[in-house]
Amino acid sequence: MLKYLDRYPIELPCRYSNKVACFNLVYIVSNIYLIEQYTSTQRNESETFKAFIRRIHQIEIYTKKGIETFTTSEYLERGHTKWKIEN
């Protein structure tokens, strides 16, 4: 996942001929809260998980009441997690 979220070009596997990704905006869509993603990586490779979190700039939570939008630090400080990312 880190390679896909990195700022450097990445080659995507395609049938017949691979293609270079040309995106500059990525949406990660999941029914699982951010802090519940990659739990084994959180435990065993905490620096890798911190690098993953640093690549995420905005979090939107969609509920029946509406959309809540947070920066990553706001989301983490709100109590969704015990993680505090050091910049």
PDB file of N, CA and C in Angstrom:
ATOM      1  N   MET A   1       0.828  -1.187   0.000  1.00  0.00           N
ATOM      2  CA  MET A   1       0.000   0.000   0.000  1.00  0.00           C
ATOM      3  C   MET A   1       0.875   1.255   0.000  1.00  0.00           C
ATOM      4  N   LEU A   2       2.000   1.204   0.700  1.00  0.00           N
ATOM      5  CA  LEU A   2       2.870   2.378   0.742  1.00  0.00           C
ATOM      6  C   LEU A   2       3.345   2.774  -0.650  1.00  0.00           C
ATOM      7  N   LYS A   3       3.636   1.807  -1.482  1.00  0.00           N
ATOM      8  CA  LYS A   3       4.093   2.111  -2.844  1.00  0.00           C
ATOM      9  C   LYS A   3       3.015   2.842  -3.642  1.00  0.00           C
ATOM     10  N   TYR A   4       1.762   2.463  -3.457  1.00  0.00           N
ATOM     11  CA  TYR A   4       0.676   3.123  -4.179  1.00  0.00           C
ATOM     12  C   TYR A   4       0.443   4.541  -3.676  1.00  0.00           C
ATOM     13  N   LEU A   5       0.739   4.793  -2.419  1.00  0.00           N
ATOM     14  CA  LEU A   5       0.504   6.110  -1.837  1.00  0.00           C
ATOM     15  C   LEU A   5       1.728   7.007  -1.898  1.00  0.00           C
ATOM     16  N   ASP A   6       2.837   6.490  -2.380  1.00  0.00           N
ATOM     17  CA  ASP A   6       4.065   7.265  -2.465  1.00  0.00           C
ATOM     18  C   ASP A   6       3.956   8.294  -3.588  1.00  0.00           C
ATOM     19  N   ARG A   7       4.786   9.317  -3.543  1.00  0.00           N
ATOM     20  CA  ARG A   7       4.715  10.366  -4.560  1.00  0.00           C
ATOM     21  C   ARG A   7       5.469  10.006  -5.839  1.00  0.00           C
ATOM     22  N   TYR A   8       6.196   8.927  -5.828  1.00  0.00           N
ATOM     23  CA  TYR A   8       6.981   8.524  -6.993  1.00  0.00           C
ATOM     24  C   TYR A   8       6.138   7.660  -7.934  1.00  0.00           C
ATOM     25  N   PRO A   9       6.428   7.722  -9.237  1.00  0.00           N
ATOM     26  CA  PRO A   9       5.668   6.904 -10.198  1.00  0.00           C
ATOM     27  C   PRO A   9       5.785   5.417  -9.877  1.00  0.00           C
ATOM     28  N   ILE A  10       4.719   4.702 -10.148  1.00  0.00           N
ATOM     29  CA  ILE A  10       4.704   3.259  -9.924  1.00  0.00           C
ATOM     30  C   ILE A  10       4.143   2.582 -11.174  1.00  0.00           C
ATOM     31  N   GLU A  11       4.699   1.437 -11.478  1.00  0.00           N
ATOM     32  CA  GLU A  11       4.229   0.675 -12.628  1.00  0.00           C
ATOM     33  C   GLU A  11       3.135  -0.283 -12.170  1.00  0.00           C
ATOM     34  N   LEU A  12       1.995  -0.206 -12.844  1.00  0.00           N
ATOM     35  CA  LEU A  12       0.861  -1.060 -12.511  1.00  0.00           C
ATOM     36  C   LEU A  12       0.836  -2.259 -13.450  1.00  0.00           C
ATOM     37  N   PRO A  13       0.671  -3.450 -12.908  1.00  0.00           N
ATOM     38  CA  PRO A  13       0.634  -4.627 -13.780  1.00  0.00           C
ATOM     39  C   PRO A  13      -0.640  -4.639 -14.625  1.00  0.00           C
ATOM     40  N   CYS A  14      -0.465  -4.834 -15.918  1.00  0.00           N
ATOM     41  CA  CYS A  14      -1.586  -4.908 -16.853  1.00  0.00           C
ATOM     42  C   CYS A  14      -1.349  -6.062 -17.819  1.00  0.00           C
ATOM     43  N   ARG A  15      -2.409  -6.520 -18.391  1.00  0.00           N
ATOM     44  CA  ARG A  15      -2.301  -7.585 -19.393  1.00  0.00           C
ATOM     45  C   ARG A  15      -1.564  -7.050 -20.627  1.00  0.00           C
ATOM     46  N   TYR A  16      -0.646  -7.791 -21.135  1.00  0.00           N
ATOM     47  CA  TYR A  16       0.168  -7.474 -22.309  1.00  0.00           C
ATOM     48  C   TYR A  16       1.268  -6.456 -22.022  1.00  0.00           C
ATOM     49  N   SER A  17       0.954  -5.356 -21.351  1.00  0.00           N
ATOM     50  CA  SER A  17       1.973  -4.333 -21.110  1.00  0.00           C
ATOM     51  C   SER A  17       1.628  -3.544 -19.850  1.00  0.00           C
ATOM     52  N   ASN A  18       2.561  -3.460 -18.922  1.00  0.00           N
ATOM     53  CA  ASN A  18       2.327  -2.698 -17.699  1.00  0.00           C
ATOM     54  C   ASN A  18       2.178  -1.215 -18.017  1.00  0.00           C
ATOM     55  N   LYS A  19       1.509  -0.495 -17.134  1.00  0.00           N
ATOM     56  CA  LYS A  19       1.264   0.935 -17.315  1.00  0.00           C
ATOM     57  C   LYS A  19       1.800   1.694 -16.111  1.00  0.00           C
ATOM     58  N   VAL A  20       2.204   2.931 -16.344  1.00  0.00           N
ATOM     59  CA  VAL A  20       2.661   3.785 -15.253  1.00  0.00           C
ATOM     60  C   VAL A  20       1.454   4.529 -14.701  1.00  0.00           C
ATOM     61  N   ALA A  21       1.294   4.506 -13.391  1.00  0.00           N
ATOM     62  CA  ALA A  21       0.174   5.202 -12.745  1.00  0.00           C
ATOM     63  C   ALA A  21       0.383   6.710 -12.864  1.00  0.00           C
ATOM     64  N   CYS A  22      -0.665   7.425 -13.225  1.00  0.00           N
ATOM     65  CA  CYS A  22      -0.580   8.876 -13.411  1.00  0.00           C
ATOM     66  C   CYS A  22      -1.507   9.622 -12.451  1.00  0.00           C
ATOM     67  N   PHE A  23      -1.851   8.998 -11.347  1.00  0.00           N
ATOM     68  CA  PHE A  23      -2.779   9.644 -10.419  1.00  0.00           C
ATOM     69  C   PHE A  23      -2.022  10.538  -9.438  1.00  0.00           C
ATOM     70  N   ASN A  24      -2.721  11.539  -8.923  1.00  0.00           N
ATOM     71  CA  ASN A  24      -2.150  12.372  -7.864  1.00  0.00           C
ATOM     72  C   ASN A  24      -3.106  12.496  -6.682  1.00  0.00           C
ATOM     73  N   LEU A  25      -4.214  11.770  -6.750  1.00  0.00           N
ATOM     74  CA  LEU A  25      -5.189  11.749  -5.670  1.00  0.00           C
ATOM     75  C   LEU A  25      -5.698  10.320  -5.535  1.00  0.00           C
ATOM     76  N   VAL A  26      -5.705   9.809  -4.309  1.00  0.00           N
ATOM     77  CA  VAL A  26      -6.123   8.430  -4.063  1.00  0.00           C
ATOM     78  C   VAL A  26      -7.226   8.431  -3.014  1.00  0.00           C
ATOM     79  N   TYR A  27      -8.283   7.675  -3.263  1.00  0.00           N
ATOM     80  CA  TYR A  27      -9.344   7.470  -2.290  1.00  0.00           C
ATOM     81  C   TYR A  27      -9.219   6.051  -1.753  1.00  0.00           C
ATOM     82  N   ILE A  28      -9.215   5.921  -0.442  1.00  0.00           N
ATOM     83  CA  ILE A  28      -9.232   4.606   0.194  1.00  0.00           C
ATOM     84  C   ILE A  28     -10.621   4.447   0.789  1.00  0.00           C
ATOM     85  N   VAL A  29     -11.381   3.505   0.290  1.00  0.00           N
ATOM     86  CA  VAL A  29     -12.759   3.311   0.729  1.00  0.00           C
ATOM     87  C   VAL A  29     -12.830   2.007   1.504  1.00  0.00           C
ATOM     88  N   SER A  30     -13.376   2.078   2.725  1.00  0.00           N
ATOM     89  CA  SER A  30     -13.442   0.881   3.553  1.00  0.00           C
ATOM     90  C   SER A  30     -14.559   1.009   4.573  1.00  0.00           C
ATOM     91  N   ASN A  31     -15.116  -0.121   4.962  1.00  0.00           N
ATOM     92  CA  ASN A  31     -16.079  -0.162   6.061  1.00  0.00           C
ATOM     93  C   ASN A  31     -15.375  -0.312   7.400  1.00  0.00           C
ATOM     94  N   ILE A  32     -14.067  -0.454   7.365  1.00  0.00           N
ATOM     95  CA  ILE A  32     -13.269  -0.652   8.573  1.00  0.00           C
ATOM     96  C   ILE A  32     -12.600   0.671   8.934  1.00  0.00           C
ATOM     97  N   TYR A  33     -12.666   1.050  10.210  1.00  0.00           N
ATOM     98  CA  TYR A  33     -12.019   2.281  10.650  1.00  0.00           C
ATOM     99  C   TYR A  33     -10.531   2.248  10.342  1.00  0.00           C
ATOM    100  N   LEU A  34      -9.967   3.401  10.100  1.00  0.00           N
ATOM    101  CA  LEU A  34      -8.557   3.506   9.725  1.00  0.00           C
ATOM    102  C   LEU A  34      -7.644   2.795  10.705  1.00  0.00           C
ATOM    103  N   ILE A  35      -7.854   2.986  11.978  1.00  0.00           N
ATOM    104  CA  ILE A  35      -6.958   2.410  12.976  1.00  0.00           C
ATOM    105  C   ILE A  35      -7.100   0.895  13.063  1.00  0.00           C
ATOM    106  N   GLU A  36      -8.158   0.344  12.517  1.00  0.00           N
ATOM    107  CA  GLU A  36      -8.340  -1.109  12.514  1.00  0.00           C
ATOM    108  C   GLU A  36      -7.739  -1.760  11.266  1.00  0.00           C
ATOM    109  N   GLN A  37      -7.172  -0.951  10.390  1.00  0.00           N
ATOM    110  CA  GLN A  37      -6.521  -1.469   9.186  1.00  0.00           C
ATOM    111  C   GLN A  37      -5.126  -1.976   9.543  1.00  0.00           C
ATOM    112  N   TYR A  38      -4.708  -3.045   8.951  1.00  0.00           N
ATOM    113  CA  TYR A  38      -3.336  -3.556   9.064  1.00  0.00           C
ATOM    114  C   TYR A  38      -2.890  -3.720  10.518  1.00  0.00           C
ATOM    115  N   THR A  39      -3.670  -4.415  11.313  1.00  0.00           N
ATOM    116  CA  THR A  39      -3.357  -4.549  12.740  1.00  0.00           C
ATOM    117  C   THR A  39      -2.052  -5.294  12.986  1.00  0.00           C
ATOM    118  N   SER A  40      -1.733  -6.287  12.177  1.00  0.00           N
ATOM    119  CA  SER A  40      -0.461  -6.994  12.386  1.00  0.00           C
ATOM    120  C   SER A  40       0.720  -6.083  12.077  1.00  0.00           C
ATOM    121  N   THR A  41       0.568  -5.209  11.093  1.00  0.00           N
ATOM    122  CA  THR A  41       1.631  -4.243  10.789  1.00  0.00           C
ATOM    123  C   THR A  41       1.771  -3.247  11.929  1.00  0.00           C
ATOM    124  N   GLN A  42       0.659  -2.847  12.522  1.00  0.00           N
ATOM    125  CA  GLN A  42       0.726  -1.933  13.665  1.00  0.00           C
ATOM    126  C   GLN A  42       1.536  -2.542  14.796  1.00  0.00           C
ATOM    127  N   ARG A  43       1.311  -3.828  15.058  1.00  0.00           N
ATOM    128  CA  ARG A  43       2.006  -4.498  16.159  1.00  0.00           C
ATOM    129  C   ARG A  43       3.466  -4.788  15.838  1.00  0.00           C
ATOM    130  N   ASN A  44       3.711  -5.295  14.637  1.00  0.00           N
ATOM    131  CA  ASN A  44       5.036  -5.814  14.309  1.00  0.00           C
ATOM    132  C   ASN A  44       5.949  -4.829  13.589  1.00  0.00           C
ATOM    133  N   GLU A  45       5.360  -3.859  12.904  1.00  0.00           N
ATOM    134  CA  GLU A  45       6.149  -2.891  12.134  1.00  0.00           C
ATOM    135  C   GLU A  45       5.552  -1.499  12.323  1.00  0.00           C
ATOM    136  N   SER A  46       5.667  -0.974  13.519  1.00  0.00           N
ATOM    137  CA  SER A  46       5.000   0.289  13.844  1.00  0.00           C
ATOM    138  C   SER A  46       5.479   1.448  12.971  1.00  0.00           C
ATOM    139  N   GLU A  47       6.751   1.478  12.599  1.00  0.00           N
ATOM    140  CA  GLU A  47       7.253   2.560  11.747  1.00  0.00           C
ATOM    141  C   GLU A  47       6.619   2.512  10.357  1.00  0.00           C
ATOM    142  N   THR A  48       6.385   1.325   9.848  1.00  0.00           N
ATOM    143  CA  THR A  48       5.726   1.172   8.550  1.00  0.00           C
ATOM    144  C   THR A  48       4.291   1.675   8.630  1.00  0.00           C
ATOM    145  N   PHE A  49       3.598   1.359   9.722  1.00  0.00           N
ATOM    146  CA  PHE A  49       2.224   1.830   9.875  1.00  0.00           C
ATOM    147  C   PHE A  49       2.191   3.348  10.023  1.00  0.00           C
ATOM    148  N   LYS A  50       3.140   3.914  10.739  1.00  0.00           N
ATOM    149  CA  LYS A  50       3.207   5.375  10.862  1.00  0.00           C
ATOM    150  C   LYS A  50       3.434   6.023   9.504  1.00  0.00           C
ATOM    151  N   ALA A  51       4.251   5.403   8.662  1.00  0.00           N
ATOM    152  CA  ALA A  51       4.474   5.914   7.305  1.00  0.00           C
ATOM    153  C   ALA A  51       3.172   5.871   6.501  1.00  0.00           C
ATOM    154  N   PHE A  52       2.391   4.819   6.671  1.00  0.00           N
ATOM    155  CA  PHE A  52       1.086   4.704   6.014  1.00  0.00           C
ATOM    156  C   PHE A  52       0.167   5.843   6.456  1.00  0.00           C
ATOM    157  N   ILE A  53       0.096   6.086   7.752  1.00  0.00           N
ATOM    158  CA  ILE A  53      -0.762   7.146   8.293  1.00  0.00           C
ATOM    159  C   ILE A  53      -0.314   8.521   7.793  1.00  0.00           C
ATOM    160  N   ARG A  54       0.990   8.757   7.704  1.00  0.00           N
ATOM    161  CA  ARG A  54       1.502  10.051   7.233  1.00  0.00           C
ATOM    162  C   ARG A  54       1.087  10.352   5.800  1.00  0.00           C
ATOM    163  N   ARG A  55       0.809   9.357   5.017  1.00  0.00           N
ATOM    164  CA  ARG A  55       0.420   9.555   3.620  1.00  0.00           C
ATOM    165  C   ARG A  55      -1.071   9.886   3.473  1.00  0.00           C
ATOM    166  N   ILE A  56      -1.814   9.788   4.537  1.00  0.00           N
ATOM    167  CA  ILE A  56      -3.249  10.094   4.518  1.00  0.00           C
ATOM    168  C   ILE A  56      -3.440  11.493   5.091  1.00  0.00           C
ATOM    169  N   HIS A  57      -4.121  12.352   4.331  1.00  0.00           N
ATOM    170  CA  HIS A  57      -4.258  13.751   4.734  1.00  0.00           C
ATOM    171  C   HIS A  57      -5.661  14.119   5.198  1.00  0.00           C
ATOM    172  N   GLN A  58      -6.657  13.396   4.752  1.00  0.00           N
ATOM    173  CA  GLN A  58      -8.035  13.721   5.119  1.00  0.00           C
ATOM    174  C   GLN A  58      -8.828  12.440   5.290  1.00  0.00           C
ATOM    175  N   ILE A  59      -9.702  12.443   6.286  1.00  0.00           N
ATOM    176  CA  ILE A  59     -10.550  11.286   6.565  1.00  0.00           C
ATOM    177  C   ILE A  59     -11.997  11.760   6.575  1.00  0.00           C
ATOM    178  N   GLU A  60     -12.843  11.045   5.859  1.00  0.00           N
ATOM    179  CA  GLU A  60     -14.270  11.339   5.856  1.00  0.00           C
ATOM    180  C   GLU A  60     -15.010  10.105   6.333  1.00  0.00           C
ATOM    181  N   ILE A  61     -15.891  10.305   7.308  1.00  0.00           N
ATOM    182  CA  ILE A  61     -16.709   9.219   7.833  1.00  0.00           C
ATOM    183  C   ILE A  61     -18.154   9.505   7.437  1.00  0.00           C
ATOM    184  N   TYR A  62     -18.737   8.578   6.700  1.00  0.00           N
ATOM    185  CA  TYR A  62     -20.107   8.714   6.217  1.00  0.00           C
ATOM    186  C   TYR A  62     -21.039   7.934   7.136  1.00  0.00           C
ATOM    187  N   THR A  63     -22.034   8.628   7.702  1.00  0.00           N
ATOM    188  CA  THR A  63     -23.027   7.995   8.561  1.00  0.00           C
ATOM    189  C   THR A  63     -24.418   8.430   8.099  1.00  0.00           C
ATOM    190  N   LYS A  64     -25.433   7.909   8.763  1.00  0.00           N
ATOM    191  CA  LYS A  64     -26.807   8.311   8.436  1.00  0.00           C
ATOM    192  C   LYS A  64     -27.030   9.794   8.727  1.00  0.00           C
ATOM    193  N   LYS A  65     -26.283  10.327   9.687  1.00  0.00           N
ATOM    194  CA  LYS A  65     -26.426  11.732  10.065  1.00  0.00           C
ATOM    195  C   LYS A  65     -25.713  12.678   9.106  1.00  0.00           C
ATOM    196  N   GLY A  66     -24.792  12.156   8.317  1.00  0.00           N
ATOM    197  CA  GLY A  66     -24.065  13.006   7.383  1.00  0.00           C
ATOM    198  C   GLY A  66     -22.608  12.598   7.266  1.00  0.00           C
ATOM    199  N   ILE A  67     -21.800  13.545   6.826  1.00  0.00           N
ATOM    200  CA  ILE A  67     -20.382  13.290   6.595  1.00  0.00           C
ATOM    201  C   ILE A  67     -19.562  14.077   7.609  1.00  0.00           C
ATOM    202  N   GLU A  68     -18.652  13.385   8.278  1.00  0.00           N
ATOM    203  CA  GLU A  68     -17.710  14.044   9.176  1.00  0.00           C
ATOM    204  C   GLU A  68     -16.354  14.054   8.484  1.00  0.00           C
ATOM    205  N   THR A  69     -15.723  15.221   8.419  1.00  0.00           N
ATOM    206  CA  THR A  69     -14.428  15.356   7.759  1.00  0.00           C
ATOM    207  C   THR A  69     -13.388  15.790   8.775  1.00  0.00           C
ATOM    208  N   PHE A  70     -12.242  15.119   8.751  1.00  0.00           N
ATOM    209  CA  PHE A  70     -11.152  15.391   9.682  1.00  0.00           C
ATOM    210  C   PHE A  70      -9.825  15.410   8.939  1.00  0.00           C
ATOM    211  N   THR A  71      -8.868  16.159   9.465  1.00  0.00           N
ATOM    212  CA  THR A  71      -7.490  15.923   9.067  1.00  0.00           C
ATOM    213  C   THR A  71      -7.059  14.664   9.803  1.00  0.00           C
ATOM    214  N   THR A  72      -5.955  14.079   9.397  1.00  0.00           N
ATOM    215  CA  THR A  72      -5.503  12.854  10.055  1.00  0.00           C
ATOM    216  C   THR A  72      -5.224  13.100  11.528  1.00  0.00           C
ATOM    217  N   SER A  73      -4.563  14.211  11.846  1.00  0.00           N
ATOM    218  CA  SER A  73      -4.253  14.483  13.255  1.00  0.00           C
ATOM    219  C   SER A  73      -5.520  14.732  14.066  1.00  0.00           C
ATOM    220  N   GLU A  74      -6.511  15.422  13.503  1.00  0.00           N
ATOM    221  CA  GLU A  74      -7.785  15.614  14.204  1.00  0.00           C
ATOM    222  C   GLU A  74      -8.456  14.275  14.475  1.00  0.00           C
ATOM    223  N   TYR A  75      -8.447  13.410  13.488  1.00  0.00           N
ATOM    224  CA  TYR A  75      -9.060  12.086  13.619  1.00  0.00           C
ATOM    225  C   TYR A  75      -8.390  11.294  14.735  1.00  0.00           C
ATOM    226  N   LEU A  76      -7.066  11.306  14.758  1.00  0.00           N
ATOM    227  CA  LEU A  76      -6.332  10.546  15.766  1.00  0.00           C
ATOM    228  C   LEU A  76      -6.505  11.154  17.157  1.00  0.00           C
ATOM    229  N   GLU A  77      -6.503  12.480  17.252  1.00  0.00           N
ATOM    230  CA  GLU A  77      -6.663  13.153  18.543  1.00  0.00           C
ATOM    231  C   GLU A  77      -8.083  13.027  19.080  1.00  0.00           C
ATOM    232  N   ARG A  78      -9.039  12.825  18.204  1.00  0.00           N
ATOM    233  CA  ARG A  78     -10.447  12.730  18.613  1.00  0.00           C
ATOM    234  C   ARG A  78     -10.711  11.494  19.462  1.00  0.00           C
ATOM    235  N   GLY A  79      -9.764  10.561  19.442  1.00  0.00           N
ATOM    236  CA  GLY A  79      -9.954   9.386  20.266  1.00  0.00           C
ATOM    237  C   GLY A  79     -10.259   8.137  19.481  1.00  0.00           C
ATOM    238  N   HIS A  80     -10.155   8.214  18.158  1.00  0.00           N
ATOM    239  CA  HIS A  80     -10.368   7.019  17.351  1.00  0.00           C
ATOM    240  C   HIS A  80      -9.228   6.036  17.534  1.00  0.00           C
ATOM    241  N   THR A  81      -8.162   6.482  18.163  1.00  0.00           N
ATOM    242  CA  THR A  81      -6.987   5.630  18.265  1.00  0.00           C
ATOM    243  C   THR A  81      -6.102   6.031  19.430  1.00  0.00           C
ATOM    244  N   LYS A  82      -5.250   5.120  19.815  1.00  0.00           N
ATOM    245  CA  LYS A  82      -4.233   5.413  20.814  1.00  0.00           C
ATOM    246  C   LYS A  82      -2.977   5.967  20.159  1.00  0.00           C
ATOM    247  N   TRP A  83      -2.916   5.866  18.828  1.00  0.00           N
ATOM    248  CA  TRP A  83      -1.725   6.297  18.096  1.00  0.00           C
ATOM    249  C   TRP A  83      -1.626   7.804  18.081  1.00  0.00           C
ATOM    250  N   LYS A  84      -0.450   8.308  18.315  1.00  0.00           N
ATOM    251  CA  LYS A  84      -0.148   9.719  18.116  1.00  0.00           C
ATOM    252  C   LYS A  84       1.014   9.760  17.140  1.00  0.00           C
ATOM    253  N   ILE A  85       0.794  10.342  16.005  1.00  0.00           N
ATOM    254  CA  ILE A  85       1.813  10.354  14.962  1.00  0.00           C
ATOM    255  C   ILE A  85       2.755  11.528  15.206  1.00  0.00           C
ATOM    256  N   GLU A  86       4.027  11.221  15.238  1.00  0.00           N
ATOM    257  CA  GLU A  86       5.039  12.250  15.438  1.00  0.00           C
ATOM    258  C   GLU A  86       5.473  12.781  14.090  1.00  0.00           C
ATOM    259  N   ASN A  87       5.467  14.087  13.932  1.00  0.00           N
ATOM    260  CA  ASN A  87       5.904  14.703  12.670  1.00  0.00           C
ATOM    261  C   ASN A  87       7.324  15.171  12.797  1.00  0.00           C
TER     262      ASN A  87
END
